[in-house]
Amino acid sequence: MGNAKRPGEFELIRRYFAPLAAATPAALGLGDDAAILTPRPGQELVVTTDALVASVHFLPDDPPDQIARKMLRENLSDLAAKGAAPIGYLMSCAFDHTVDEAWIVAFCAGLAADQAEFGVGLLGGDTVGTPGPLTLTVTALGEVPAGRAMRRNAAKADDLVFVSGTLGDSALGLKRLRGGLLALSSEEGAFLIDRYRLPQPRLRLGRALMESGLAKAALDVSDGLIADLGHIGEQSDLAAEVERTRLPLSPAGAHALDEDPALIEDIVAGGEDYELLFTASAAAQAAIAALAERLGLRVTPIGRMMPSSGQPGAVRLLDEKGREIALKRRGWQHF
């Protein structure tokens, strides 16, 4: 395949990316080499970055608007886990020969839709060509009151472990896209695929947990429940246990698991859920339930933090009789 037709670099920026920065004064209209930001008094900056590579983080034939939205939402999810309010984002695009002007138009339309939904704007970035694969990188910035950001290292023994939303839908959606899970209905398959392509950053929940002080340690589930809970354990010098029967599943996810119990490994280790995983004292459970009801969001206690016994980061998944379920993998690893 030859090179796809698209505008030159500066025309590309002027035509498609500059409008995304129009409502972000710090971007200087994308006419300078850098944005200029001044944190508000009493606020700290929260900075996070993620790269997406075709055939690794998304399928090459995924709709470009949904690729754009997934890229932005993954980074917003990191801000949510800190309790931060989004400010804006920087974006670097390494376009390969498959990316033409129509692809870029759809890609920028996706970004514009999510900028409006989440109140963020483009601050700057870079655009280059590459022989492949298509690679996209976002650095998102947010702000949080000084000293209040939620971190991974603040969990305590006997804390309860909570998770928002439902688990495993994204990993199951990818399986469906690849031709699996044929026992599910078309509606169930479409739901799971949507969860894979369009994660929901829990910004309101993260902000509310930070403001209330209910959560101790927090992160978002990107590598998989077991691996990410292990990260909290490692940073807090603790271990954890999770009860299989408490895992929150969507109706489609529960149907898939009923059809094939081996899918439990995809549900707890498949990754890309982008739900908030956090710990809190047992005394906070009623307040967390009330907060979840106010936000209209499912938040479920699924386990407990424990002394590490020399194995910080160890996470055991228990069946209904308290027996450990053997898992071949804990979560996503790039290397």
Protein backbone atom coordinates (compact mmCIF):
# COMPACT_ATOMS: atom_id res chain seq x y z
CA MET A 1 0.00 0.00 0.00
CA GLY A 2 1.33 3.43 -0.90
CA ASN A 3 1.40 6.47 1.33
CA ALA A 4 -2.08 7.74 2.21
CA LYS A 5 -2.80 11.28 1.13
CA ARG A 6 -2.82 13.84 3.95
CA PRO A 7 -1.85 17.50 4.40
CA GLY A 8 1.67 18.58 5.27
CA GLU A 9 2.63 18.91 8.94
CA PHE A 10 1.91 22.60 9.45
CA GLU A 11 -1.27 22.57 7.38
CA LEU A 12 -2.38 19.53 9.37
CA ILE A 13 -1.85 21.44 12.61
CA ARG A 14 -3.58 24.57 11.34
CA ARG A 15 -6.55 22.75 9.85
CA TYR A 16 -7.26 20.04 12.40
CA PHE A 17 -5.31 20.38 15.65
CA ALA A 18 -5.36 24.13 16.27
CA PRO A 19 -9.19 24.12 16.58
CA LEU A 20 -8.82 21.56 19.39
CA ALA A 21 -6.67 24.10 21.27
CA ALA A 22 -8.88 27.12 20.62
CA ALA A 23 -10.46 27.09 24.09
CA THR A 24 -7.14 26.48 25.88
CA PRO A 25 -5.29 29.83 26.21
CA ALA A 26 -2.18 28.15 27.62
CA ALA A 27 -1.70 26.42 24.24
CA LEU A 28 -0.92 29.80 22.59
CA GLY A 29 -2.89 28.73 19.53
CA LEU A 30 -0.33 25.98 18.86
CA GLY A 31 1.80 28.72 17.31
CA ASP A 32 4.69 28.40 19.74
CA ASP A 33 7.07 25.64 20.80
CA ALA A 34 5.46 25.05 24.20
CA ALA A 35 2.39 25.77 26.30
CA ILE A 36 2.62 28.07 29.32
CA LEU A 37 0.76 27.00 32.44
CA THR A 38 0.39 28.67 35.83
CA PRO A 39 -0.99 26.38 38.55
CA ARG A 40 -3.68 27.96 40.67
CA PRO A 41 -2.70 28.89 44.23
CA GLY A 42 -2.84 25.90 46.56
CA GLN A 43 -2.96 23.38 43.72
CA GLU A 44 -0.44 20.77 42.61
CA LEU A 45 -0.07 19.54 39.04
CA VAL A 46 -0.74 15.87 38.30
CA VAL A 47 0.95 14.64 35.11
CA THR A 48 0.47 11.28 33.42
CA THR A 49 1.35 9.85 30.01
CA ASP A 50 0.37 6.79 27.99
CA ALA A 51 1.33 5.52 24.55
CA LEU A 52 -0.96 3.50 22.29
CA VAL A 53 0.47 1.34 19.53
CA ALA A 54 -1.60 -0.19 16.72
CA SER A 55 -2.14 -3.96 17.13
CA VAL A 56 -1.03 -3.69 20.79
CA HIS A 57 -3.46 -1.23 22.40
CA PHE A 58 -6.06 -1.04 19.67
CA LEU A 59 -6.93 -2.92 16.51
CA PRO A 60 -5.76 -1.28 13.27
CA ASP A 61 -9.30 -1.25 11.88
CA ASP A 62 -10.90 0.26 15.01
CA PRO A 63 -12.83 3.45 14.15
CA PRO A 64 -10.42 6.43 14.38
CA ASP A 65 -12.80 8.53 16.46
CA GLN A 66 -12.99 5.75 19.04
CA ILE A 67 -9.20 5.28 19.02
CA ALA A 68 -8.88 8.99 19.83
CA ARG A 69 -11.41 8.84 22.63
CA LYS A 70 -9.89 5.72 24.17
CA MET A 71 -6.45 7.39 24.06
CA LEU A 72 -7.71 10.45 25.92
CA ARG A 73 -9.91 8.56 28.37
CA GLU A 74 -7.10 6.26 29.49
CA ASN A 75 -5.13 9.29 30.62
CA LEU A 76 -8.14 10.93 32.24
CA SER A 77 -8.61 7.70 34.20
CA ASP A 78 -5.11 8.14 35.66
CA LEU A 79 -6.09 11.65 36.76
CA ALA A 80 -9.29 10.29 38.30
CA ALA A 81 -7.28 7.86 40.41
CA LYS A 82 -5.44 10.81 41.96
CA GLY A 83 -8.61 12.81 42.56
CA ALA A 84 -7.41 15.41 40.07
CA ALA A 85 -9.50 17.72 37.90
CA PRO A 86 -8.33 17.68 34.24
CA ILE A 87 -6.65 20.79 32.81
CA GLY A 88 -5.59 19.70 29.33
CA TYR A 89 -3.37 17.35 27.38
CA LEU A 90 -0.39 17.14 25.05
CA MET A 91 -0.50 14.73 22.13
CA SER A 92 2.16 13.22 19.89
CA CYS A 93 1.11 11.35 16.76
CA ALA A 94 3.38 9.11 14.70
CA PHE A 95 1.23 8.50 11.63
CA ASP A 96 2.03 5.56 9.36
CA HIS A 97 1.16 5.13 5.68
CA THR A 98 -2.41 3.97 6.45
CA VAL A 99 -3.48 7.33 7.91
CA ASP A 100 -5.13 9.60 5.36
CA GLU A 101 -6.95 12.91 5.73
CA ALA A 102 -10.35 11.25 6.24
CA TRP A 103 -8.87 9.21 9.12
CA ILE A 104 -7.52 12.40 10.71
CA VAL A 105 -10.87 14.16 10.34
CA ALA A 106 -12.63 11.34 12.20
CA PHE A 107 -9.83 11.13 14.79
CA CYS A 108 -10.10 14.85 15.59
CA ALA A 109 -13.90 14.63 15.74
CA GLY A 110 -13.53 12.01 18.46
CA LEU A 111 -11.16 14.24 20.39
CA ALA A 112 -13.49 17.21 20.04
CA ALA A 113 -16.42 15.17 21.39
CA ASP A 114 -14.50 14.08 24.48
CA GLN A 115 -12.98 17.51 25.04
CA ALA A 116 -16.53 18.84 25.28
CA GLU A 117 -17.66 15.98 27.54
CA PHE A 118 -14.76 16.18 29.98
CA GLY A 119 -13.90 19.88 29.83
CA VAL A 120 -10.33 19.59 28.57
CA GLY A 121 -8.40 21.05 25.63
CA LEU A 122 -5.30 20.36 23.59
CA LEU A 123 -2.16 22.11 24.89
CA GLY A 124 0.31 21.08 22.19
CA GLY A 125 2.36 18.14 21.01
CA ASP A 126 4.09 16.82 17.92
CA THR A 127 3.19 15.19 14.61
CA VAL A 128 5.59 12.93 12.70
CA GLY A 129 5.55 10.25 10.05
CA THR A 130 6.64 6.69 10.71
CA PRO A 131 7.03 3.51 8.64
CA GLY A 132 4.83 1.96 11.32
CA PRO A 133 3.11 1.01 13.38
CA LEU A 134 0.77 3.92 14.07
CA THR A 135 1.68 5.22 17.53
CA LEU A 136 -0.20 7.78 19.61
CA THR A 137 0.90 9.32 22.90
CA VAL A 138 -0.97 11.58 25.29
CA THR A 139 0.30 13.42 28.34
CA ALA A 140 -2.60 14.64 30.46
CA LEU A 141 -2.39 17.30 33.15
CA GLY A 142 -4.69 17.87 36.08
CA GLU A 143 -4.71 19.70 39.37
CA VAL A 144 -5.45 18.63 42.91
CA PRO A 145 -5.27 20.52 46.22
CA ALA A 146 -1.72 20.43 47.57
CA GLY A 147 -1.01 17.29 49.58
CA ARG A 148 -4.38 15.69 48.81
CA ALA A 149 -3.65 13.48 45.79
CA MET A 150 -4.55 9.82 46.37
CA ARG A 151 -1.57 7.50 46.08
CA ARG A 152 -0.85 3.79 46.02
CA ASN A 153 1.18 3.65 49.23
CA ALA A 154 -1.43 4.64 51.83
CA ALA A 155 -3.36 1.38 52.31
CA LYS A 156 -3.56 -0.12 55.79
CA ALA A 157 -4.01 -3.70 56.98
CA ASP A 158 -7.72 -4.57 57.34
CA ASP A 159 -8.75 -1.90 54.82
CA LEU A 160 -11.55 -3.05 52.58
CA VAL A 161 -10.85 -3.11 48.82
CA PHE A 162 -13.45 -1.41 46.60
CA VAL A 163 -13.84 -1.20 42.83
CA SER A 164 -16.14 0.91 40.69
CA GLY A 165 -18.30 -0.32 37.82
CA THR A 166 -17.88 -3.83 36.45
CA LEU A 167 -14.77 -5.87 35.71
CA GLY A 168 -13.63 -7.83 32.68
CA ASP A 169 -15.86 -6.23 30.05
CA SER A 170 -12.98 -4.75 28.07
CA ALA A 171 -10.97 -7.97 27.89
CA LEU A 172 -14.10 -9.87 26.89
CA GLY A 173 -14.93 -7.20 24.30
CA LEU A 174 -11.56 -7.76 22.68
CA LYS A 175 -12.22 -11.49 22.60
CA ARG A 176 -15.52 -10.83 20.87
CA LEU A 177 -13.85 -8.56 18.32
CA ARG A 178 -11.40 -11.36 17.58
CA GLY A 179 -14.20 -13.80 16.86
CA GLY A 180 -14.72 -15.39 20.28
CA LEU A 181 -17.59 -15.61 22.78
CA LEU A 182 -20.01 -16.79 20.11
CA ALA A 183 -22.55 -17.92 22.71
CA LEU A 184 -23.32 -14.30 23.56
CA SER A 185 -26.04 -12.36 21.79
CA SER A 186 -25.24 -9.57 19.36
CA GLU A 187 -26.44 -7.04 21.95
CA GLU A 188 -24.15 -8.50 24.62
CA GLY A 189 -21.24 -8.55 22.19
CA ALA A 190 -21.85 -4.92 21.22
CA PHE A 191 -21.92 -3.90 24.88
CA LEU A 192 -18.58 -5.59 25.58
CA ILE A 193 -16.96 -4.11 22.46
CA ASP A 194 -18.12 -0.65 23.49
CA ARG A 195 -16.51 -1.15 26.91
CA TYR A 196 -13.25 -2.12 25.17
CA ARG A 197 -13.26 0.85 22.82
CA LEU A 198 -14.72 3.54 25.09
CA PRO A 199 -13.67 3.26 28.73
CA GLN A 200 -15.36 5.54 31.26
CA PRO A 201 -12.90 7.58 33.34
CA ARG A 202 -14.37 7.87 36.84
CA LEU A 203 -13.45 11.50 37.33
CA ARG A 204 -16.42 12.40 39.54
CA LEU A 205 -15.82 9.42 41.82
CA GLY A 206 -12.10 10.12 42.11
CA ARG A 207 -12.72 13.77 42.93
CA ALA A 208 -15.37 12.89 45.51
CA LEU A 209 -13.15 10.31 47.19
CA MET A 210 -10.31 12.82 47.39
CA GLU A 211 -12.50 15.60 48.75
CA SER A 212 -14.19 13.36 51.33
CA GLY A 213 -10.99 11.64 52.44
CA LEU A 214 -12.79 8.29 52.35
CA ALA A 215 -10.19 6.49 50.23
CA LYS A 216 -6.71 5.71 51.47
CA ALA A 217 -4.89 4.21 48.47
CA ALA A 218 -6.16 4.30 44.90
CA LEU A 219 -5.33 3.61 41.25
CA ASP A 220 -7.18 2.76 38.08
CA VAL A 221 -7.42 -0.79 36.77
CA SER A 222 -5.37 -0.78 33.58
CA ASP A 223 -3.11 -3.84 33.88
CA GLY A 224 -5.81 -6.04 35.45
CA LEU A 225 -7.42 -6.31 38.89
CA ILE A 226 -4.91 -8.76 40.39
CA ALA A 227 -1.83 -6.96 39.06
CA ASP A 228 -3.08 -3.49 40.01
CA LEU A 229 -4.15 -4.50 43.50
CA GLY A 230 -0.67 -6.01 43.75
CA HIS A 231 0.77 -2.56 42.95
CA ILE A 232 -1.11 -1.11 45.93
CA GLY A 233 0.17 -3.97 48.07
CA GLU A 234 3.76 -3.51 46.95
CA GLN A 235 3.70 0.23 47.62
CA SER A 236 1.92 -0.18 50.98
CA ASP A 237 3.90 -3.28 52.12
CA LEU A 238 0.74 -5.38 52.29
CA ALA A 239 -0.94 -8.38 50.69
CA ALA A 240 -4.58 -8.74 49.71
CA GLU A 241 -7.41 -11.23 49.30
CA VAL A 242 -10.26 -10.90 46.82
CA GLU A 243 -13.51 -12.90 46.93
CA ARG A 244 -14.53 -14.28 43.55
CA THR A 245 -18.23 -14.15 44.44
CA ARG A 246 -18.02 -10.40 45.14
CA LEU A 247 -16.56 -9.41 41.78
CA PRO A 248 -18.95 -7.00 40.03
CA LEU A 249 -19.89 -8.30 36.59
CA SER A 250 -22.10 -6.90 33.86
CA PRO A 251 -24.92 -9.15 32.64
CA ALA A 252 -22.88 -9.82 29.47
CA GLY A 253 -19.77 -10.59 31.50
CA ALA A 254 -21.68 -12.89 33.85
CA HIS A 255 -23.20 -14.74 30.88
CA ALA A 256 -19.78 -15.22 29.32
CA LEU A 257 -18.38 -16.57 32.59
CA ASP A 258 -21.33 -18.96 32.99
CA GLU A 259 -20.61 -20.30 29.51
CA ASP A 260 -16.86 -20.68 30.18
CA PRO A 261 -15.63 -20.53 33.81
CA ALA A 262 -12.03 -20.32 32.56
CA LEU A 263 -12.77 -16.72 31.55
CA ILE A 264 -12.31 -15.72 35.20
CA GLU A 265 -8.65 -15.21 34.32
CA ASP A 266 -9.53 -12.71 31.60
CA ILE A 267 -11.87 -10.92 33.99
CA VAL A 268 -9.30 -10.45 36.78
CA ALA A 269 -6.13 -10.20 34.67
CA GLY A 270 -7.17 -9.03 31.21
CA GLY A 271 -6.81 -5.33 32.00
CA GLU A 272 -8.11 -2.11 30.43
CA ASP A 273 -11.14 -1.87 32.75
CA TYR A 274 -10.23 1.71 33.72
CA GLU A 275 -12.33 1.45 36.86
CA LEU A 276 -11.14 2.93 40.15
CA LEU A 277 -9.68 0.47 42.64
CA PHE A 278 -9.23 1.85 46.16
CA THR A 279 -8.96 0.92 49.80
CA ALA A 280 -10.84 2.38 52.75
CA SER A 281 -11.51 1.50 56.36
CA ALA A 282 -14.47 -0.76 57.13
CA ALA A 283 -16.01 2.16 59.05
CA ALA A 284 -16.23 4.12 55.77
CA GLN A 285 -18.32 1.48 53.96
CA ALA A 286 -21.70 3.13 54.59
CA ALA A 287 -20.42 6.56 53.51
CA ILE A 288 -18.94 5.04 50.33
CA ALA A 289 -22.26 3.32 49.56
CA ALA A 290 -24.06 6.66 50.00
CA LEU A 291 -21.52 8.39 47.74
CA ALA A 292 -21.94 5.72 45.07
CA GLU A 293 -25.73 6.12 45.19
CA ARG A 294 -25.41 9.89 44.87
CA LEU A 295 -23.19 9.48 41.79
CA GLY A 296 -25.36 6.76 40.29
CA LEU A 297 -22.34 4.46 40.09
CA ARG A 298 -21.81 0.90 41.24
CA VAL A 299 -19.04 0.63 43.85
CA THR A 300 -18.41 -2.81 45.32
CA PRO A 301 -16.31 -4.09 48.25
CA ILE A 302 -14.47 -7.11 46.89
CA GLY A 303 -11.78 -7.99 49.43
CA ARG A 304 -9.40 -6.91 52.13
CA MET A 305 -5.80 -5.76 52.63
CA MET A 306 -3.67 -7.92 54.91
CA PRO A 307 -0.18 -8.02 56.47
CA SER A 308 2.29 -9.04 53.80
CA SER A 309 3.98 -11.88 55.73
CA GLY A 310 7.12 -11.19 53.74
CA GLN A 311 5.30 -11.12 50.38
CA PRO A 312 4.23 -7.53 49.71
CA GLY A 313 2.03 -7.32 46.65
CA ALA A 314 0.73 -10.89 46.90
CA VAL A 315 -2.95 -11.14 45.93
CA ARG A 316 -5.06 -14.25 46.43
CA LEU A 317 -8.35 -14.81 44.60
CA LEU A 318 -10.65 -16.98 46.75
CA ASP A 319 -13.61 -19.12 45.73
CA GLU A 320 -16.90 -19.37 47.65
CA LYS A 321 -15.30 -21.84 50.10
CA GLY A 322 -12.26 -19.67 50.79
CA ARG A 323 -9.90 -21.73 48.61
CA GLU A 324 -7.38 -19.97 46.42
CA ILE A 325 -8.11 -20.01 42.70
CA ALA A 326 -4.95 -20.73 40.73
CA LEU A 327 -4.17 -18.14 38.06
CA LYS A 328 -1.60 -18.48 35.29
CA ARG A 329 -1.27 -14.72 34.90
CA ARG A 330 -1.79 -11.69 37.11
CA GLY A 331 -2.22 -9.02 34.46
CA TRP A 332 -0.90 -7.32 31.36
CA GLN A 333 2.87 -7.01 30.91
CA HIS A 334 4.58 -5.35 27.96
CA PHE A 335 7.92 -7.06 28.53
